[in-house]
PDB file of N, CA and C in Angstrom:
ATOM      1  N   MET A   1     -15.928  20.013  -8.799  1.00  0.00           N
ATOM      2  CA  MET A   1     -16.519  18.845  -8.082  1.00  0.00           C
ATOM      3  C   MET A   1     -16.297  17.638  -9.000  1.00  0.00           C
ATOM      4  N   ALA A   2     -15.890  16.516  -8.500  1.00  0.00           N
ATOM      5  CA  ALA A   2     -15.601  15.290  -9.313  1.00  0.00           C
ATOM      6  C   ALA A   2     -17.038  14.764  -9.728  1.00  0.00           C
ATOM      7  N   LYS A   3     -16.941  14.159 -10.929  1.00  0.00           N
ATOM      8  CA  LYS A   3     -18.104  13.386 -11.492  1.00  0.00           C
ATOM      9  C   LYS A   3     -17.978  12.046 -10.889  1.00  0.00           C
ATOM     10  N   PHE A   4     -18.967  11.352 -10.436  1.00  0.00           N
ATOM     11  CA  PHE A   4     -18.927  10.038  -9.991  1.00  0.00           C
ATOM     12  C   PHE A   4     -19.609   9.117 -11.038  1.00  0.00           C
ATOM     13  N   ALA A   5     -18.807   7.942 -11.272  1.00  0.00           N
ATOM     14  CA  ALA A   5     -19.376   7.043 -12.390  1.00  0.00           C
ATOM     15  C   ALA A   5     -20.679   6.428 -11.932  1.00  0.00           C
ATOM     16  N   VAL A   6     -21.326   5.844 -12.884  1.00  0.00           N
ATOM     17  CA  VAL A   6     -22.573   5.135 -12.657  1.00  0.00           C
ATOM     18  C   VAL A   6     -22.238   3.600 -12.741  1.00  0.00           C
ATOM     19  N   MET A   7     -22.769   2.687 -11.855  1.00  0.00           N
ATOM     20  CA  MET A   7     -22.550   1.370 -11.869  1.00  0.00           C
ATOM     21  C   MET A   7     -23.920   0.673 -12.372  1.00  0.00           C
ATOM     22  N   CYS A   8     -24.052  -0.590 -12.581  1.00  0.00           N
ATOM     23  CA  CYS A   8     -25.066  -1.279 -12.911  1.00  0.00           C
ATOM     24  C   CYS A   8     -26.277  -1.045 -11.914  1.00  0.00           C
ATOM     25  N   ARG A   9     -27.485  -1.199 -12.416  1.00  0.00           N
ATOM     26  CA  ARG A   9     -28.560  -1.030 -11.501  1.00  0.00           C
ATOM     27  C   ARG A   9     -28.732   0.313 -10.911  1.00  0.00           C
ATOM     28  N   SER A  10     -28.221   1.342 -11.605  1.00  0.00           N
ATOM     29  CA  SER A  10     -28.240   2.705 -11.175  1.00  0.00           C
ATOM     30  C   SER A  10     -27.723   2.997  -9.813  1.00  0.00           C
ATOM     31  N   ILE A  11     -26.701   2.242  -9.390  1.00  0.00           N
ATOM     32  CA  ILE A  11     -25.969   2.554  -8.217  1.00  0.00           C
ATOM     33  C   ILE A  11     -24.657   3.396  -8.402  1.00  0.00           C
ATOM     34  N   LYS A  12     -24.686   4.491  -7.912  1.00  0.00           N
ATOM     35  CA  LYS A  12     -23.567   5.377  -8.170  1.00  0.00           C
ATOM     36  C   LYS A  12     -22.184   5.073  -7.307  1.00  0.00           C
ATOM     37  N   VAL A  13     -21.167   5.245  -7.998  1.00  0.00           N
ATOM     38  CA  VAL A  13     -19.946   5.200  -7.192  1.00  0.00           C
ATOM     39  C   VAL A  13     -19.822   6.376  -6.421  1.00  0.00           C
ATOM     40  N   LEU A  14     -19.729   6.160  -4.991  1.00  0.00           N
ATOM     41  CA  LEU A  14     -19.565   7.465  -4.159  1.00  0.00           C
ATOM     42  C   LEU A  14     -18.127   7.818  -3.686  1.00  0.00           C
ATOM     43  N   ARG A  15     -17.228   7.401  -4.564  1.00  0.00           N
ATOM     44  CA  ARG A  15     -15.885   7.766  -4.313  1.00  0.00           C
ATOM     45  C   ARG A  15     -15.166   7.919  -5.674  1.00  0.00           C
ATOM     46  N   GLU A  16     -14.343   9.005  -5.762  1.00  0.00           N
ATOM     47  CA  GLU A  16     -13.531   9.109  -7.014  1.00  0.00           C
ATOM     48  C   GLU A  16     -12.143   9.379  -6.521  1.00  0.00           C
ATOM     49  N   GLY A  17     -11.227   8.387  -6.795  1.00  0.00           N
ATOM     50  CA  GLY A  17     -10.005   8.381  -6.247  1.00  0.00           C
ATOM     51  C   GLY A  17     -10.062   8.454  -4.766  1.00  0.00           C
ATOM     52  N   ALA A  18      -9.497   9.499  -4.034  1.00  0.00           N
ATOM     53  CA  ALA A  18      -9.485   9.714  -2.515  1.00  0.00           C
ATOM     54  C   ALA A  18     -10.668  10.609  -2.188  1.00  0.00           C
ATOM     55  N   VAL A  19     -11.400  11.070  -3.166  1.00  0.00           N
ATOM     56  CA  VAL A  19     -12.535  11.935  -2.723  1.00  0.00           C
ATOM     57  C   VAL A  19     -13.935  11.268  -2.651  1.00  0.00           C
ATOM     58  N   ALA A  20     -14.428  11.342  -1.394  1.00  0.00           N
ATOM     59  CA  ALA A  20     -15.799  10.733  -1.246  1.00  0.00           C
ATOM     60  C   ALA A  20     -16.816  11.709  -1.611  1.00  0.00           C
ATOM     61  N   ALA A  21     -18.024  11.166  -1.829  1.00  0.00           N
ATOM     62  CA  ALA A  21     -19.150  11.969  -2.113  1.00  0.00           C
ATOM     63  C   ALA A  21     -19.643  12.861  -0.931  1.00  0.00           C
ATOM     64  N   PRO A  22     -20.299  13.983  -1.217  1.00  0.00           N
ATOM     65  CA  PRO A  22     -20.878  14.693  -0.030  1.00  0.00           C
ATOM     66  C   PRO A  22     -21.859  13.981   0.683  1.00  0.00           C
ATOM     67  N   PRO A  23     -22.084  14.401   1.998  1.00  0.00           N
ATOM     68  CA  PRO A  23     -22.955  13.580   2.914  1.00  0.00           C
ATOM     69  C   PRO A  23     -24.526  13.513   2.319  1.00  0.00           C
ATOM     70  N   ASP A  24     -24.819  14.419   1.477  1.00  0.00           N
ATOM     71  CA  ASP A  24     -26.236  14.481   0.980  1.00  0.00           C
ATOM     72  C   ASP A  24     -26.370  13.301  -0.111  1.00  0.00           C
ATOM     73  N   GLU A  25     -25.310  12.994  -0.880  1.00  0.00           N
ATOM     74  CA  GLU A  25     -25.200  11.978  -1.806  1.00  0.00           C
ATOM     75  C   GLU A  25     -25.168  10.764  -1.173  1.00  0.00           C
ATOM     76  N   ILE A  26     -24.415  10.604  -0.227  1.00  0.00           N
ATOM     77  CA  ILE A  26     -24.318   9.352   0.595  1.00  0.00           C
ATOM     78  C   ILE A  26     -25.705   8.978   1.126  1.00  0.00           C
ATOM     79  N   GLU A  27     -26.352   9.875   1.735  1.00  0.00           N
ATOM     80  CA  GLU A  27     -27.746   9.619   2.264  1.00  0.00           C
ATOM     81  C   GLU A  27     -28.614   9.189   1.091  1.00  0.00           C
ATOM     82  N   ALA A  28     -28.612   9.998   0.116  1.00  0.00           N
ATOM     83  CA  ALA A  28     -29.495   9.673  -1.131  1.00  0.00           C
ATOM     84  C   ALA A  28     -29.271   8.312  -1.668  1.00  0.00           C
ATOM     85  N   ALA A  29     -27.987   7.803  -1.747  1.00  0.00           N
ATOM     86  CA  ALA A  29     -27.665   6.481  -2.092  1.00  0.00           C
ATOM     87  C   ALA A  29     -28.312   5.451  -1.119  1.00  0.00           C
ATOM     88  N   ALA A  30     -28.085   5.737   0.189  1.00  0.00           N
ATOM     89  CA  ALA A  30     -28.682   4.838   1.194  1.00  0.00           C
ATOM     90  C   ALA A  30     -30.182   4.669   1.078  1.00  0.00           C
ATOM     91  N   ARG A  31     -30.810   5.831   0.757  1.00  0.00           N
ATOM     92  CA  ARG A  31     -32.307   5.802   0.592  1.00  0.00           C
ATOM     93  C   ARG A  31     -32.749   5.089  -0.667  1.00  0.00           C
ATOM     94  N   GLN A  32     -31.925   5.297  -1.691  1.00  0.00           N
ATOM     95  CA  GLN A  32     -32.128   4.404  -2.992  1.00  0.00           C
ATOM     96  C   GLN A  32     -31.994   3.014  -2.740  1.00  0.00           C
ATOM     97  N   PHE A  33     -30.927   2.642  -1.969  1.00  0.00           N
ATOM     98  CA  PHE A  33     -30.682   1.145  -1.639  1.00  0.00           C
ATOM     99  C   PHE A  33     -31.933   0.641  -0.780  1.00  0.00           C
ATOM    100  N   VAL A  34     -32.296   1.356   0.263  1.00  0.00           N
ATOM    101  CA  VAL A  34     -33.446   0.908   1.047  1.00  0.00           C
ATOM    102  C   VAL A  34     -34.804   0.732   0.141  1.00  0.00           C
ATOM    103  N   ARG A  35     -34.992   1.753  -0.822  1.00  0.00           N
ATOM    104  CA  ARG A  35     -36.060   1.550  -1.572  1.00  0.00           C
ATOM    105  C   ARG A  35     -35.953   0.353  -2.532  1.00  0.00           C
ATOM    106  N   LYS A  36     -34.864   0.189  -3.066  1.00  0.00           N
ATOM    107  CA  LYS A  36     -34.658  -1.026  -3.829  1.00  0.00           C
ATOM    108  C   LYS A  36     -34.892  -2.305  -3.282  1.00  0.00           C
ATOM    109  N   ILE A  37     -34.278  -2.489  -2.012  1.00  0.00           N
ATOM    110  CA  ILE A  37     -34.444  -3.828  -1.285  1.00  0.00           C
ATOM    111  C   ILE A  37     -35.792  -4.048  -0.677  1.00  0.00           C
ATOM    112  N   SER A  38     -36.471  -2.825  -0.298  1.00  0.00           N
ATOM    113  CA  SER A  38     -37.748  -2.937   0.340  1.00  0.00           C
ATOM    114  C   SER A  38     -38.828  -3.223  -0.647  1.00  0.00           C
ATOM    115  N   GLY A  39     -38.554  -2.594  -1.892  1.00  0.00           N
ATOM    116  CA  GLY A  39     -39.689  -2.600  -2.913  1.00  0.00           C
ATOM    117  C   GLY A  39     -40.677  -1.438  -2.780  1.00  0.00           C
ATOM    118  N   PHE A  40     -40.400  -0.508  -1.811  1.00  0.00           N
ATOM    119  CA  PHE A  40     -41.221   0.701  -1.601  1.00  0.00           C
ATOM    120  C   PHE A  40     -40.483   2.040  -1.924  1.00  0.00           C
ATOM    121  N   SER A  41     -41.032   2.703  -2.741  1.00  0.00           N
ATOM    122  CA  SER A  41     -40.383   4.048  -2.986  1.00  0.00           C
ATOM    123  C   SER A  41     -40.784   4.996  -1.878  1.00  0.00           C
ATOM    124  N   LYS A  42     -41.892   4.804  -1.226  1.00  0.00           N
ATOM    125  CA  LYS A  42     -42.360   5.679   0.001  1.00  0.00           C
ATOM    126  C   LYS A  42     -43.139   4.635   0.817  1.00  0.00           C
ATOM    127  N   PRO A  43     -42.554   4.444   2.024  1.00  0.00           N
ATOM    128  CA  PRO A  43     -43.204   3.534   2.883  1.00  0.00           C
ATOM    129  C   PRO A  43     -44.504   4.048   3.404  1.00  0.00           C
ATOM    130  N   ALA A  44     -45.377   3.025   3.778  1.00  0.00           N
ATOM    131  CA  ALA A  44     -46.624   3.420   4.415  1.00  0.00           C
ATOM    132  C   ALA A  44     -46.351   3.899   5.797  1.00  0.00           C
ATOM    133  N   THR A  45     -47.201   4.683   6.436  1.00  0.00           N
ATOM    134  CA  THR A  45     -47.055   5.266   7.758  1.00  0.00           C
ATOM    135  C   THR A  45     -46.548   4.176   8.670  1.00  0.00           C
ATOM    136  N   HIS A  46     -47.138   2.953   8.690  1.00  0.00           N
ATOM    137  CA  HIS A  46     -46.693   1.949   9.735  1.00  0.00           C
ATOM    138  C   HIS A  46     -45.350   1.432   9.498  1.00  0.00           C
ATOM    139  N   ASN A  47     -44.732   1.612   8.327  1.00  0.00           N
ATOM    140  CA  ASN A  47     -43.327   1.126   8.080  1.00  0.00           C
ATOM    141  C   ASN A  47     -42.379   2.302   7.997  1.00  0.00           C
ATOM    142  N   GLU A  48     -42.804   3.583   8.092  1.00  0.00           N
ATOM    143  CA  GLU A  48     -41.969   4.659   8.084  1.00  0.00           C
ATOM    144  C   GLU A  48     -40.743   4.729   8.999  1.00  0.00           C
ATOM    145  N   GLN A  49     -40.985   4.383  10.232  1.00  0.00           N
ATOM    146  CA  GLN A  49     -39.989   4.330  11.286  1.00  0.00           C
ATOM    147  C   GLN A  49     -38.873   3.282  10.947  1.00  0.00           C
ATOM    148  N   VAL A  50     -39.164   2.119  10.568  1.00  0.00           N
ATOM    149  CA  VAL A  50     -38.206   1.204  10.180  1.00  0.00           C
ATOM    150  C   VAL A  50     -37.441   1.429   9.021  1.00  0.00           C
ATOM    151  N   PHE A  51     -38.127   2.001   7.952  1.00  0.00           N
ATOM    152  CA  PHE A  51     -37.526   2.527   6.718  1.00  0.00           C
ATOM    153  C   PHE A  51     -36.545   3.546   6.980  1.00  0.00           C
ATOM    154  N   GLU A  52     -36.857   4.516   7.838  1.00  0.00           N
ATOM    155  CA  GLU A  52     -36.038   5.703   7.974  1.00  0.00           C
ATOM    156  C   GLU A  52     -34.760   5.217   8.882  1.00  0.00           C
ATOM    157  N   ARG A  53     -35.035   4.285   9.804  1.00  0.00           N
ATOM    158  CA  ARG A  53     -33.947   3.788  10.651  1.00  0.00           C
ATOM    159  C   ARG A  53     -32.873   3.054   9.727  1.00  0.00           C
ATOM    160  N   ALA A  54     -33.439   2.258   8.712  1.00  0.00           N
ATOM    161  CA  ALA A  54     -32.443   1.673   7.812  1.00  0.00           C
ATOM    162  C   ALA A  54     -31.678   2.570   6.956  1.00  0.00           C
ATOM    163  N   VAL A  55     -32.356   3.633   6.488  1.00  0.00           N
ATOM    164  CA  VAL A  55     -31.652   4.733   5.716  1.00  0.00           C
ATOM    165  C   VAL A  55     -30.629   5.273   6.595  1.00  0.00           C
ATOM    166  N   LEU A  56     -30.952   5.594   7.777  1.00  0.00           N
ATOM    167  CA  LEU A  56     -29.781   6.222   8.698  1.00  0.00           C
ATOM    168  C   LEU A  56     -28.585   5.223   9.001  1.00  0.00           C
ATOM    169  N   GLU A  57     -28.862   3.889   9.310  1.00  0.00           N
ATOM    170  CA  GLU A  57     -27.863   3.020   9.555  1.00  0.00           C
ATOM    171  C   GLU A  57     -27.036   2.758   8.270  1.00  0.00           C
ATOM    172  N   ILE A  58     -27.697   2.687   7.111  1.00  0.00           N
ATOM    173  CA  ILE A  58     -26.908   2.398   5.827  1.00  0.00           C
ATOM    174  C   ILE A  58     -26.106   3.674   5.420  1.00  0.00           C
ATOM    175  N   THR A  59     -26.634   4.968   5.791  1.00  0.00           N
ATOM    176  CA  THR A  59     -25.891   6.114   5.598  1.00  0.00           C
ATOM    177  C   THR A  59     -24.591   6.066   6.473  1.00  0.00           C
ATOM    178  N   THR A  60     -24.713   5.811   7.728  1.00  0.00           N
ATOM    179  CA  THR A  60     -23.611   5.775   8.683  1.00  0.00           C
ATOM    180  C   THR A  60     -22.685   4.710   8.219  1.00  0.00           C
ATOM    181  N   ALA A  61     -23.086   3.475   7.913  1.00  0.00           N
ATOM    182  CA  ALA A  61     -22.125   2.506   7.462  1.00  0.00           C
ATOM    183  C   ALA A  61     -21.396   2.955   6.179  1.00  0.00           C
ATOM    184  N   SER A  62     -22.154   3.497   5.314  1.00  0.00           N
ATOM    185  CA  SER A  62     -21.450   3.925   4.089  1.00  0.00           C
ATOM    186  C   SER A  62     -20.452   4.980   4.259  1.00  0.00           C
ATOM    187  N   ARG A  63     -20.886   6.085   5.105  1.00  0.00           N
ATOM    188  CA  ARG A  63     -19.852   7.043   5.445  1.00  0.00           C
ATOM    189  C   ARG A  63     -18.557   6.554   6.149  1.00  0.00           C
ATOM    190  N   ASP A  64     -18.904   5.561   7.141  1.00  0.00           N
ATOM    191  CA  ASP A  64     -17.740   4.953   7.831  1.00  0.00           C
ATOM    192  C   ASP A  64     -16.856   4.232   6.863  1.00  0.00           C
ATOM    193  N   LEU A  65     -17.450   3.503   5.945  1.00  0.00           N
ATOM    194  CA  LEU A  65     -16.657   2.770   4.884  1.00  0.00           C
ATOM    195  C   LEU A  65     -15.911   3.848   4.080  1.00  0.00           C
ATOM    196  N   LEU A  66     -16.460   4.748   3.574  1.00  0.00           N
ATOM    197  CA  LEU A  66     -15.800   5.676   2.622  1.00  0.00           C
ATOM    198  C   LEU A  66     -14.591   6.395   3.509  1.00  0.00           C
ATOM    199  N   GLU A  67     -14.888   6.810   4.676  1.00  0.00           N
ATOM    200  CA  GLU A  67     -13.859   7.508   5.493  1.00  0.00           C
ATOM    201  C   GLU A  67     -12.679   6.548   5.841  1.00  0.00           C
ATOM    202  N   GLY A  68     -13.005   5.275   5.971  1.00  0.00           N
ATOM    203  CA  GLY A  68     -11.981   4.326   6.491  1.00  0.00           C
ATOM    204  C   GLY A  68     -11.214   3.664   5.335  1.00  0.00           C
ATOM    205  N   LEU A  69     -11.625   3.787   4.132  1.00  0.00           N
ATOM    206  CA  LEU A  69     -10.848   3.267   3.033  1.00  0.00           C
ATOM    207  C   LEU A  69      -9.564   3.907   2.834  1.00  0.00           C
ATOM    208  N   GLU A  70      -8.528   3.064   2.580  1.00  0.00           N
ATOM    209  CA  GLU A  70      -7.090   3.646   2.295  1.00  0.00           C
ATOM    210  C   GLU A  70      -6.981   3.401   0.766  1.00  0.00           C
ATOM    211  N   ILE A  71      -6.816   4.366   0.053  1.00  0.00           N
ATOM    212  CA  ILE A  71      -6.705   4.406  -1.476  1.00  0.00           C
ATOM    213  C   ILE A  71      -5.347   4.704  -1.784  1.00  0.00           C
ATOM    214  N   ARG A  72      -4.558   3.733  -1.988  1.00  0.00           N
ATOM    215  CA  ARG A  72      -3.029   3.866  -2.303  1.00  0.00           C
ATOM    216  C   ARG A  72      -2.877   4.462  -3.719  1.00  0.00           C
ATOM    217  N   GLY A  73      -2.013   5.396  -3.696  1.00  0.00           N
ATOM    218  CA  GLY A  73      -1.792   6.041  -4.995  1.00  0.00           C
ATOM    219  C   GLY A  73      -2.723   7.116  -5.432  1.00  0.00           C
ATOM    220  N   ALA A  74      -3.759   7.288  -4.686  1.00  0.00           N
ATOM    221  CA  ALA A  74      -4.777   8.273  -5.099  1.00  0.00           C
ATOM    222  C   ALA A  74      -4.441   9.691  -4.708  1.00  0.00           C
ATOM    223  N   ARG A  75      -4.735  10.562  -5.542  1.00  0.00           N
ATOM    224  CA  ARG A  75      -4.475  12.040  -5.212  1.00  0.00           C
ATOM    225  C   ARG A  75      -5.627  12.527  -4.214  1.00  0.00           C
ATOM    226  N   THR A  76      -5.234  13.365  -3.256  1.00  0.00           N
ATOM    227  CA  THR A  76      -6.321  13.874  -2.255  1.00  0.00           C
ATOM    228  C   THR A  76      -6.861  15.050  -2.691  1.00  0.00           C
ATOM    229  N   ALA A  77      -6.340  15.739  -3.662  1.00  0.00           N
ATOM    230  CA  ALA A  77      -7.036  16.982  -4.089  1.00  0.00           C
ATOM    231  C   ALA A  77      -7.576  16.966  -5.379  1.00  0.00           C
TER     232      ALA A  77
END
């Protein structure tokens, strides 16, 4: 399995050449992003639904981005 580089502010690169990260890593990165921008590591009960919806939407958008990227010259294996 490929090792993914770390960027500033602890955001991981989720693509190594033409190889995207596994779904659980994409979801973990989305959760980290939502935590970072919301300022909450665990939302209060009254914020849980909007927090989880944001994680799902960012996970979906990230997966769509990674699947849609065209990486010229990258190896696929």
